[in-house]
Amino acid sequence: PVKNGVPFANLFKWSYSNGWALVELFFMLSGFGMFLGYGDKIIKRELTFKQYIMKRILKLYPLFFLTTILITILEIWHKYLTGKTFIYGYFDCWHFFMNLILCQDGIFGTEFSFNALSWCISICFILYIIHFAVMYFSKEKINVIYSYIILTFIGLSIISMEWNYPFILNEMVGRGLSCFSIGVILANIYLISDKLNTTLIGYLRLIILTLYYLIHNTRYNIIIGNFRFVFIMIFSPLIIFSCLYVSWINKCLSIKPMIFLGSLSMNIYLLHFIVQCIII
C-alpha cells in the first residue's frame, strides 16, 4: 500500500521518519570493524601509519572520486536545464577542491555540497587517524577502552552542546566520534563473548528491538529525550549484538547474496544520490 506517495508507509513508518539515524550505525560498525581488523597489528607495530592509511585510501577513494566527478557533471547538466543545482546549493571551485581532498562537510565547513552524502567518508578518515593514534600509544587493550570511553563522551558533548563550527567542532564530527568509539568498545566486548551467555544476550536484545519497533509504529512514541542519543547509546548496540548473537539472524546475514550486498553497500550509498539526480 502507498500512502502520500510512500510505499509501505505503515509498515516502515520508523524507517521513513528516522532512517537518517542509520548513519550512526554505519559509524559504529566502522569502529567495530577497524578495531577487529587493525587493532592488534597497530599495537604490535606490524603496520605502519603509511601502510594503514593507504589501505583505507585505496579502499574508499576511487569510488569517492568517481562519484564526485559524476555528480559534478550531472549538476552542471541540471543547472543548465533548470537554472539551479539539485537540492544542495554549494557548487563552486572551493567546495569541489574540498571534496577532492576529503575535507568537505564537517572538516572545513558544515554546508553540504556536491555528492553531499559522502560527508561521512571525510569524517571517517579523521576517525581512522584518531584510531591509529589511540592503538599505537596504548600498550594494553584496557587503555584502548578507557581512551574510547573518553572519546565517546567528547563526541556526545559536541552533539549535546550543538556546536556547529566550520572546523572539526560540529555535529557531524560529534556523531562520527561518539559512534565510532562505541563501536570499538563493542568490539572489545565481542572478543570476550566466550565468557558470556551470548544466546541469552542476543535474544533479549532482539526482543527489546522488536517491541520498540512495533510500539513506535503505532501511535505511541516511547522515546524520551534526544532521539539521537537514544539511538546511539541503546538501539545501535542492540542491533549489532542481535545480529552477532542470534544464530538465525547471523546465518541469514552470512549467506552469499547478503555478503555480496554488504560488499556493495558503500557503492550503493554513494551512488543513490546520483541516481536520484539522474531521475529528476
C-alpha atoms as a PDB file:
ATOM      1  CA  PRO A   1       0.000   0.000   0.000  1.00  0.00           C
ATOM      2  CA  VAL A   2       1.131   3.506  -0.826  1.00  0.00           C
ATOM      3  CA  LYS A   3       0.387   6.487   1.404  1.00  0.00           C
ATOM      4  CA  ASN A   4       1.197  10.021   0.206  1.00  0.00           C
ATOM      5  CA  GLY A   5       3.453   8.552  -2.468  1.00  0.00           C
ATOM      6  CA  VAL A   6       5.388   6.484   0.088  1.00  0.00           C
ATOM      7  CA  PRO A   7       5.257   2.679  -0.414  1.00  0.00           C
ATOM      8  CA  PHE A   8       4.543   0.530   2.675  1.00  0.00           C
ATOM      9  CA  ALA A   9       4.287   3.686   4.792  1.00  0.00           C
ATOM     10  CA  ASN A  10       2.561   1.951   7.713  1.00  0.00           C
ATOM     11  CA  LEU A  11       4.970  -0.995   7.845  1.00  0.00           C
ATOM     12  CA  PHE A  12       8.111   1.140   7.589  1.00  0.00           C
ATOM     13  CA  LYS A  13       6.921   4.206   9.477  1.00  0.00           C
ATOM     14  CA  TRP A  14      10.034   4.368  11.653  1.00  0.00           C
ATOM     15  CA  SER A  15      12.383   3.779   8.718  1.00  0.00           C
ATOM     16  CA  TYR A  16      10.959   6.654   6.679  1.00  0.00           C
ATOM     17  CA  SER A  17      10.950   9.159   9.532  1.00  0.00           C
ATOM     18  CA  ASN A  18      14.241   8.187  11.211  1.00  0.00           C
ATOM     19  CA  GLY A  19      16.271   6.464   8.503  1.00  0.00           C
ATOM     20  CA  TRP A  20      18.904   9.203   8.712  1.00  0.00           C
ATOM     21  CA  ALA A  21      19.975   7.732  12.074  1.00  0.00           C
ATOM     22  CA  LEU A  22      21.422   4.676  10.326  1.00  0.00           C
ATOM     23  CA  VAL A  23      24.495   6.806   9.571  1.00  0.00           C
ATOM     24  CA  GLU A  24      25.196   6.446  13.307  1.00  0.00           C
ATOM     25  CA  LEU A  25      25.025   2.677  12.887  1.00  0.00           C
ATOM     26  CA  PHE A  26      27.453   2.930   9.949  1.00  0.00           C
ATOM     27  CA  PHE A  27      29.993   4.799  12.102  1.00  0.00           C
ATOM     28  CA  MET A  28      29.559   2.256  14.898  1.00  0.00           C
ATOM     29  CA  LEU A  29      30.119  -0.678  12.549  1.00  0.00           C
ATOM     30  CA  SER A  30      33.200   1.129  11.203  1.00  0.00           C
ATOM     31  CA  GLY A  31      34.710   1.357  14.687  1.00  0.00           C
ATOM     32  CA  PHE A  32      33.814  -2.284  15.339  1.00  0.00           C
ATOM     33  CA  GLY A  33      35.448  -3.459  12.121  1.00  0.00           C
ATOM     34  CA  MET A  34      38.508  -1.224  12.319  1.00  0.00           C
ATOM     35  CA  PHE A  35      39.373  -2.486  15.790  1.00  0.00           C
ATOM     36  CA  LEU A  36      38.989  -6.141  14.843  1.00  0.00           C
ATOM     37  CA  GLY A  37      40.788  -5.682  11.528  1.00  0.00           C
ATOM     38  CA  TYR A  38      43.710  -3.468  12.521  1.00  0.00           C
ATOM     39  CA  GLY A  39      43.849  -3.209  16.318  1.00  0.00           C
ATOM     40  CA  ASP A  40      46.396  -5.914  17.141  1.00  0.00           C
ATOM     41  CA  LYS A  41      48.553  -5.136  14.106  1.00  0.00           C
ATOM     42  CA  ILE A  42      48.923  -1.492  15.140  1.00  0.00           C
ATOM     43  CA  ILE A  43      49.602  -2.304  18.811  1.00  0.00           C
ATOM     44  CA  LYS A  44      52.244  -4.880  17.829  1.00  0.00           C
ATOM     45  CA  ARG A  45      53.826  -2.417  15.346  1.00  0.00           C
ATOM     46  CA  GLU A  46      53.146  -4.785  12.447  1.00  0.00           C
ATOM     47  CA  LEU A  47      51.516  -1.991  10.457  1.00  0.00           C
ATOM     48  CA  THR A  48      52.934   1.468   9.825  1.00  0.00           C
ATOM     49  CA  PHE A  49      50.735   4.538   9.543  1.00  0.00           C
ATOM     50  CA  LYS A  50      51.569   4.836   5.837  1.00  0.00           C
ATOM     51  CA  GLN A  51      50.508   1.222   5.162  1.00  0.00           C
ATOM     52  CA  TYR A  52      47.395   1.645   7.268  1.00  0.00           C
ATOM     53  CA  ILE A  53      46.138   4.871   5.712  1.00  0.00           C
ATOM     54  CA  MET A  54      46.987   3.737   2.172  1.00  0.00           C
ATOM     55  CA  LYS A  55      44.817   0.662   2.680  1.00  0.00           C
ATOM     56  CA  ARG A  56      41.886   2.905   3.588  1.00  0.00           C
ATOM     57  CA  ILE A  57      42.530   5.344   0.719  1.00  0.00           C
ATOM     58  CA  LEU A  58      42.760   2.546  -1.867  1.00  0.00           C
ATOM     59  CA  LYS A  59      39.578   1.028  -0.446  1.00  0.00           C
ATOM     60  CA  LEU A  60      37.428   4.168  -0.464  1.00  0.00           C
ATOM     61  CA  TYR A  61      38.927   6.963  -2.548  1.00  0.00           C
ATOM     62  CA  PRO A  62      38.498   5.582  -6.110  1.00  0.00           C
ATOM     63  CA  LEU A  63      34.726   5.237  -5.610  1.00  0.00           C
ATOM     64  CA  PHE A  64      34.601   8.563  -3.794  1.00  0.00           C
ATOM     65  CA  PHE A  65      36.460  10.293  -6.648  1.00  0.00           C
ATOM     66  CA  LEU A  66      34.283   8.668  -9.321  1.00  0.00           C
ATOM     67  CA  THR A  67      31.021   9.696  -7.650  1.00  0.00           C
ATOM     68  CA  THR A  68      32.318  13.254  -7.124  1.00  0.00           C
ATOM     69  CA  ILE A  69      33.088  13.585 -10.834  1.00  0.00           C
ATOM     70  CA  LEU A  70      29.750  12.056 -11.836  1.00  0.00           C
ATOM     71  CA  ILE A  71      27.695  14.362  -9.614  1.00  0.00           C
ATOM     72  CA  THR A  72      29.696  17.356 -10.887  1.00  0.00           C
ATOM     73  CA  ILE A  73      28.769  16.520 -14.493  1.00  0.00           C
ATOM     74  CA  LEU A  74      25.132  15.923 -13.536  1.00  0.00           C
ATOM     75  CA  GLU A  75      24.910  19.132 -11.507  1.00  0.00           C
ATOM     76  CA  ILE A  76      26.216  21.140 -14.476  1.00  0.00           C
ATOM     77  CA  TRP A  77      23.569  19.478 -16.643  1.00  0.00           C
ATOM     78  CA  HIS A  78      20.853  20.036 -14.014  1.00  0.00           C
ATOM     79  CA  LYS A  79      21.803  23.696 -13.650  1.00  0.00           C
ATOM     80  CA  TYR A  80      21.734  24.126 -17.427  1.00  0.00           C
ATOM     81  CA  LEU A  81      18.226  22.656 -17.592  1.00  0.00           C
ATOM     82  CA  THR A  82      16.691  24.275 -14.502  1.00  0.00           C
ATOM     83  CA  GLY A  83      18.929  27.196 -13.550  1.00  0.00           C
ATOM     84  CA  LYS A  84      19.741  25.712 -10.137  1.00  0.00           C
ATOM     85  CA  THR A  85      21.593  22.787  -8.585  1.00  0.00           C
ATOM     86  CA  PHE A  86      19.941  19.581  -7.416  1.00  0.00           C
ATOM     87  CA  ILE A  87      18.981  20.013  -3.708  1.00  0.00           C
ATOM     88  CA  TYR A  88      22.308  21.396  -2.403  1.00  0.00           C
ATOM     89  CA  GLY A  89      23.399  24.877  -3.424  1.00  0.00           C
ATOM     90  CA  TYR A  90      27.127  24.956  -2.697  1.00  0.00           C
ATOM     91  CA  PHE A  91      28.531  24.259  -6.152  1.00  0.00           C
ATOM     92  CA  ASP A  92      31.789  26.112  -6.764  1.00  0.00           C
ATOM     93  CA  CYS A  93      35.533  25.532  -7.205  1.00  0.00           C
ATOM     94  CA  TRP A  94      36.300  25.828  -3.492  1.00  0.00           C
ATOM     95  CA  HIS A  95      33.822  23.158  -2.476  1.00  0.00           C
ATOM     96  CA  PHE A  96      34.929  20.962  -5.387  1.00  0.00           C
ATOM     97  CA  PHE A  97      38.524  21.170  -4.143  1.00  0.00           C
ATOM     98  CA  MET A  98      37.453  20.433  -0.558  1.00  0.00           C
ATOM     99  CA  ASN A  99      35.586  17.384  -1.801  1.00  0.00           C
ATOM    100  CA  LEU A 100      38.574  16.113  -3.757  1.00  0.00           C
ATOM    101  CA  ILE A 101      40.851  16.235  -0.701  1.00  0.00           C
ATOM    102  CA  LEU A 102      38.221  14.692   1.623  1.00  0.00           C
ATOM    103  CA  CYS A 103      37.892  17.859   3.674  1.00  0.00           C
ATOM    104  CA  GLN A 104      34.301  18.761   2.849  1.00  0.00           C
ATOM    105  CA  ASP A 105      31.305  18.761   5.184  1.00  0.00           C
ATOM    106  CA  GLY A 106      32.416  18.673   8.802  1.00  0.00           C
ATOM    107  CA  ILE A 107      36.135  19.258   8.246  1.00  0.00           C
ATOM    108  CA  PHE A 108      36.310  22.681   6.554  1.00  0.00           C
ATOM    109  CA  GLY A 109      32.700  23.770   6.603  1.00  0.00           C
ATOM    110  CA  THR A 110      29.295  22.485   7.611  1.00  0.00           C
ATOM    111  CA  GLU A 111      27.419  23.129   4.376  1.00  0.00           C
ATOM    112  CA  PHE A 112      26.558  20.188   2.129  1.00  0.00           C
ATOM    113  CA  SER A 113      27.978  20.222  -1.398  1.00  0.00           C
ATOM    114  CA  PHE A 114      28.320  18.024  -4.495  1.00  0.00           C
ATOM    115  CA  ASN A 115      27.682  14.355  -3.520  1.00  0.00           C
ATOM    116  CA  ALA A 116      26.659  15.564  -0.077  1.00  0.00           C
ATOM    117  CA  LEU A 117      26.064  12.083   1.317  1.00  0.00           C
ATOM    118  CA  SER A 118      29.817  11.471   1.134  1.00  0.00           C
ATOM    119  CA  TRP A 119      30.311  13.640   4.227  1.00  0.00           C
ATOM    120  CA  CYS A 120      30.574  10.524   6.389  1.00  0.00           C
ATOM    121  CA  ILE A 121      33.606   9.358   4.345  1.00  0.00           C
ATOM    122  CA  SER A 122      35.534  12.540   5.149  1.00  0.00           C
ATOM    123  CA  ILE A 123      34.661  12.148   8.840  1.00  0.00           C
ATOM    124  CA  CYS A 124      35.751   8.501   8.686  1.00  0.00           C
ATOM    125  CA  PHE A 125      39.263   9.462   7.574  1.00  0.00           C
ATOM    126  CA  ILE A 126      39.609  11.733  10.612  1.00  0.00           C
ATOM    127  CA  LEU A 127      38.426   8.815  12.774  1.00  0.00           C
ATOM    128  CA  TYR A 128      40.919   6.461  11.106  1.00  0.00           C
ATOM    129  CA  ILE A 129      43.772   8.789  12.064  1.00  0.00           C
ATOM    130  CA  ILE A 130      42.496   9.034  15.652  1.00  0.00           C
ATOM    131  CA  HIS A 131      42.125   5.246  15.767  1.00  0.00           C
ATOM    132  CA  PHE A 132      45.710   4.657  14.688  1.00  0.00           C
ATOM    133  CA  ALA A 133      46.994   7.115  17.313  1.00  0.00           C
ATOM    134  CA  VAL A 134      44.940   5.511  20.113  1.00  0.00           C
ATOM    135  CA  MET A 135      46.019   1.983  19.190  1.00  0.00           C
ATOM    136  CA  TYR A 136      49.659   2.975  18.647  1.00  0.00           C
ATOM    137  CA  PHE A 137      50.067   4.692  22.010  1.00  0.00           C
ATOM    138  CA  SER A 138      48.020   2.180  24.035  1.00  0.00           C
ATOM    139  CA  LYS A 139      50.286  -0.527  25.407  1.00  0.00           C
ATOM    140  CA  GLU A 140      47.341  -2.561  26.716  1.00  0.00           C
ATOM    141  CA  LYS A 141      43.807  -3.067  25.397  1.00  0.00           C
ATOM    142  CA  ILE A 142      42.294  -1.777  28.633  1.00  0.00           C
ATOM    143  CA  ASN A 143      43.856   1.596  27.801  1.00  0.00           C
ATOM    144  CA  VAL A 144      42.094   1.466  24.437  1.00  0.00           C
ATOM    145  CA  ILE A 145      38.743   1.087  26.198  1.00  0.00           C
ATOM    146  CA  TYR A 146      39.492   3.971  28.581  1.00  0.00           C
ATOM    147  CA  SER A 147      40.526   6.182  25.655  1.00  0.00           C
ATOM    148  CA  TYR A 148      37.390   5.420  23.683  1.00  0.00           C
ATOM    149  CA  ILE A 149      35.127   5.987  26.672  1.00  0.00           C
ATOM    150  CA  ILE A 150      36.605   9.489  26.875  1.00  0.00           C
ATOM    151  CA  LEU A 151      36.229   9.981  23.107  1.00  0.00           C
ATOM    152  CA  THR A 152      32.585   8.824  23.324  1.00  0.00           C
ATOM    153  CA  PHE A 153      31.954  11.449  25.976  1.00  0.00           C
ATOM    154  CA  ILE A 154      33.662  14.132  23.849  1.00  0.00           C
ATOM    155  CA  GLY A 155      31.583  13.211  20.786  1.00  0.00           C
ATOM    156  CA  LEU A 156      28.301  13.214  22.713  1.00  0.00           C
ATOM    157  CA  SER A 157      29.240  16.526  24.325  1.00  0.00           C
ATOM    158  CA  ILE A 158      29.761  18.133  20.903  1.00  0.00           C
ATOM    159  CA  ILE A 159      26.285  16.924  19.879  1.00  0.00           C
ATOM    160  CA  SER A 160      24.552  17.986  23.098  1.00  0.00           C
ATOM    161  CA  MET A 161      26.128  21.452  23.077  1.00  0.00           C
ATOM    162  CA  GLU A 162      25.028  21.829  19.438  1.00  0.00           C
ATOM    163  CA  TRP A 163      28.397  23.146  18.324  1.00  0.00           C
ATOM    164  CA  ASN A 164      28.390  23.939  14.630  1.00  0.00           C
ATOM    165  CA  TYR A 165      31.820  25.425  13.978  1.00  0.00           C
ATOM    166  CA  PRO A 166      33.169  25.087  10.411  1.00  0.00           C
ATOM    167  CA  PHE A 167      36.352  23.311  11.527  1.00  0.00           C
ATOM    168  CA  ILE A 168      36.013  19.911  13.289  1.00  0.00           C
ATOM    169  CA  LEU A 169      33.858  21.008  16.263  1.00  0.00           C
ATOM    170  CA  ASN A 170      30.448  20.341  14.786  1.00  0.00           C
ATOM    171  CA  GLU A 171      27.605  17.849  14.959  1.00  0.00           C
ATOM    172  CA  MET A 172      28.869  15.735  12.055  1.00  0.00           C
ATOM    173  CA  VAL A 173      32.192  15.081  13.775  1.00  0.00           C
ATOM    174  CA  GLY A 174      30.418  14.524  17.098  1.00  0.00           C
ATOM    175  CA  ARG A 175      28.178  11.875  15.545  1.00  0.00           C
ATOM    176  CA  GLY A 176      31.118  10.097  13.961  1.00  0.00           C
ATOM    177  CA  LEU A 177      33.394  10.265  17.005  1.00  0.00           C
ATOM    178  CA  SER A 178      30.836   9.026  19.530  1.00  0.00           C
ATOM    179  CA  CYS A 179      29.548   6.171  17.360  1.00  0.00           C
ATOM    180  CA  PHE A 180      32.958   5.007  16.116  1.00  0.00           C
ATOM    181  CA  SER A 181      34.182   4.970  19.729  1.00  0.00           C
ATOM    182  CA  ILE A 182      31.225   2.897  20.924  1.00  0.00           C
ATOM    183  CA  GLY A 183      31.888   0.511  18.030  1.00  0.00           C
ATOM    184  CA  VAL A 184      35.432  -0.063  19.292  1.00  0.00           C
ATOM    185  CA  ILE A 185      34.127  -0.674  22.829  1.00  0.00           C
ATOM    186  CA  LEU A 186      31.561  -3.176  21.489  1.00  0.00           C
ATOM    187  CA  ALA A 187      34.338  -4.976  19.588  1.00  0.00           C
ATOM    188  CA  ASN A 188      36.251  -5.410  22.845  1.00  0.00           C
ATOM    189  CA  ILE A 189      33.125  -6.868  24.476  1.00  0.00           C
ATOM    190  CA  TYR A 190      32.697  -9.176  21.480  1.00  0.00           C
ATOM    191  CA  LEU A 191      36.235 -10.517  21.965  1.00  0.00           C
ATOM    192  CA  ILE A 192      35.346 -11.759  25.465  1.00  0.00           C
ATOM    193  CA  SER A 193      31.970 -13.145  24.386  1.00  0.00           C
ATOM    194  CA  ASP A 194      33.045 -16.720  25.162  1.00  0.00           C
ATOM    195  CA  LYS A 195      32.663 -15.743  28.831  1.00  0.00           C
ATOM    196  CA  LEU A 196      29.096 -14.540  28.319  1.00  0.00           C
ATOM    197  CA  ASN A 197      25.750 -16.205  27.663  1.00  0.00           C
ATOM    198  CA  THR A 198      25.627 -14.838  24.125  1.00  0.00           C
ATOM    199  CA  THR A 199      22.384 -16.600  23.145  1.00  0.00           C
ATOM    200  CA  LEU A 200      20.517 -15.025  26.042  1.00  0.00           C
ATOM    201  CA  ILE A 201      22.097 -11.630  25.360  1.00  0.00           C
ATOM    202  CA  GLY A 202      21.212 -11.814  21.664  1.00  0.00           C
ATOM    203  CA  TYR A 203      17.569 -12.784  22.142  1.00  0.00           C
ATOM    204  CA  LEU A 204      16.995 -10.229  24.904  1.00  0.00           C
ATOM    205  CA  ARG A 205      18.281  -7.517  22.609  1.00  0.00           C
ATOM    206  CA  LEU A 206      16.189  -8.756  19.690  1.00  0.00           C
ATOM    207  CA  ILE A 207      13.027  -8.812  21.861  1.00  0.00           C
ATOM    208  CA  ILE A 208      13.668  -5.247  23.054  1.00  0.00           C
ATOM    209  CA  LEU A 209      14.244  -4.051  19.471  1.00  0.00           C
ATOM    210  CA  THR A 210      11.130  -5.803  18.154  1.00  0.00           C
ATOM    211  CA  LEU A 211       8.901  -4.458  20.919  1.00  0.00           C
ATOM    212  CA  TYR A 212      10.219  -0.949  20.401  1.00  0.00           C
ATOM    213  CA  TYR A 213       9.657  -1.090  16.640  1.00  0.00           C
ATOM    214  CA  LEU A 214       6.128  -2.443  16.982  1.00  0.00           C
ATOM    215  CA  ILE A 215       5.153   0.151  19.572  1.00  0.00           C
ATOM    216  CA  HIS A 216       6.787   3.002  17.688  1.00  0.00           C
ATOM    217  CA  ASN A 217       4.944   2.039  14.509  1.00  0.00           C
ATOM    218  CA  THR A 218       1.653   2.584  16.344  1.00  0.00           C
ATOM    219  CA  ARG A 219       0.511   5.954  17.638  1.00  0.00           C
ATOM    220  CA  TYR A 220       2.832   5.774  20.650  1.00  0.00           C
ATOM    221  CA  ASN A 221       6.267   7.338  20.804  1.00  0.00           C
ATOM    222  CA  ILE A 222       8.262   5.776  23.622  1.00  0.00           C
ATOM    223  CA  ILE A 223      11.435   7.771  23.070  1.00  0.00           C
ATOM    224  CA  ILE A 224      12.020  10.188  25.926  1.00  0.00           C
ATOM    225  CA  GLY A 225      14.625  12.896  25.403  1.00  0.00           C
ATOM    226  CA  ASN A 226      17.050  13.200  22.496  1.00  0.00           C
ATOM    227  CA  PHE A 227      16.285  10.543  19.862  1.00  0.00           C
ATOM    228  CA  ARG A 228      19.836  10.633  18.506  1.00  0.00           C
ATOM    229  CA  PHE A 229      21.303   9.924  21.960  1.00  0.00           C
ATOM    230  CA  VAL A 230      18.909   7.014  22.478  1.00  0.00           C
ATOM    231  CA  PHE A 231      19.748   5.570  19.068  1.00  0.00           C
ATOM    232  CA  ILE A 232      23.495   5.916  19.654  1.00  0.00           C
ATOM    233  CA  MET A 233      23.597   4.625  23.216  1.00  0.00           C
ATOM    234  CA  ILE A 234      20.877   1.954  23.108  1.00  0.00           C
ATOM    235  CA  PHE A 235      19.459   0.913  19.763  1.00  0.00           C
ATOM    236  CA  SER A 236      22.589   0.733  17.603  1.00  0.00           C
ATOM    237  CA  PRO A 237      24.382  -1.548  20.115  1.00  0.00           C
ATOM    238  CA  LEU A 238      21.177  -3.633  20.376  1.00  0.00           C
ATOM    239  CA  ILE A 239      21.103  -4.072  16.595  1.00  0.00           C
ATOM    240  CA  ILE A 240      24.769  -5.092  16.439  1.00  0.00           C
ATOM    241  CA  PHE A 241      24.571  -7.627  19.267  1.00  0.00           C
ATOM    242  CA  SER A 242      21.293  -9.057  17.944  1.00  0.00           C
ATOM    243  CA  CYS A 243      22.964  -9.709  14.600  1.00  0.00           C
ATOM    244  CA  LEU A 244      26.030 -11.232  16.272  1.00  0.00           C
ATOM    245  CA  TYR A 245      24.379 -13.437  18.884  1.00  0.00           C
ATOM    246  CA  VAL A 246      21.014 -14.527  17.430  1.00  0.00           C
ATOM    247  CA  SER A 247      22.114 -17.512  15.367  1.00  0.00           C
ATOM    248  CA  TRP A 248      19.403 -17.446  12.698  1.00  0.00           C
ATOM    249  CA  ILE A 249      19.951 -13.726  12.020  1.00  0.00           C
ATOM    250  CA  ASN A 250      23.691 -14.345  11.863  1.00  0.00           C
ATOM    251  CA  LYS A 251      23.179 -17.196   9.376  1.00  0.00           C
ATOM    252  CA  CYS A 252      20.853 -15.096   7.216  1.00  0.00           C
ATOM    253  CA  LEU A 253      23.385 -12.278   7.081  1.00  0.00           C
ATOM    254  CA  SER A 254      26.153 -14.777   6.254  1.00  0.00           C
ATOM    255  CA  ILE A 255      24.643 -16.190   3.060  1.00  0.00           C
ATOM    256  CA  LYS A 256      26.447 -15.234  -0.141  1.00  0.00           C
ATOM    257  CA  PRO A 257      23.821 -12.812  -1.540  1.00  0.00           C
ATOM    258  CA  MET A 258      23.842 -10.833   1.732  1.00  0.00           C
ATOM    259  CA  ILE A 259      27.648 -10.808   1.833  1.00  0.00           C
ATOM    260  CA  PHE A 260      27.638  -9.571  -1.768  1.00  0.00           C
ATOM    261  CA  LEU A 261      25.179  -6.786  -0.904  1.00  0.00           C
ATOM    262  CA  GLY A 262      27.336  -5.914   2.088  1.00  0.00           C
ATOM    263  CA  SER A 263      30.376  -5.568  -0.153  1.00  0.00           C
ATOM    264  CA  LEU A 264      28.366  -3.189  -2.358  1.00  0.00           C
ATOM    265  CA  SER A 265      26.816  -1.189   0.493  1.00  0.00           C
ATOM    266  CA  MET A 266      29.225   1.747   0.220  1.00  0.00           C
ATOM    267  CA  ASN A 267      28.812   1.804  -3.568  1.00  0.00           C
ATOM    268  CA  ILE A 268      25.017   1.895  -3.173  1.00  0.00           C
ATOM    269  CA  TYR A 269      25.231   4.634  -0.552  1.00  0.00           C
ATOM    270  CA  LEU A 270      27.464   6.915  -2.630  1.00  0.00           C
ATOM    271  CA  LEU A 271      25.599   6.267  -5.886  1.00  0.00           C
ATOM    272  CA  HIS A 272      21.999   6.642  -4.760  1.00  0.00           C
ATOM    273  CA  PHE A 273      22.084  10.458  -4.666  1.00  0.00           C
ATOM    274  CA  ILE A 274      23.464  10.385  -8.213  1.00  0.00           C
ATOM    275  CA  VAL A 275      20.637   8.058  -9.314  1.00  0.00           C
ATOM    276  CA  GLN A 276      18.092  10.463  -7.810  1.00  0.00           C
ATOM    277  CA  CYS A 277      19.655  13.349  -9.736  1.00  0.00           C
ATOM    278  CA  ILE A 278      19.535  11.358 -12.994  1.00  0.00           C
ATOM    279  CA  ILE A 279      15.843  10.553 -12.472  1.00  0.00           C
ATOM    280  CA  ILE A 280      14.965  14.181 -11.748  1.00  0.00           C
END
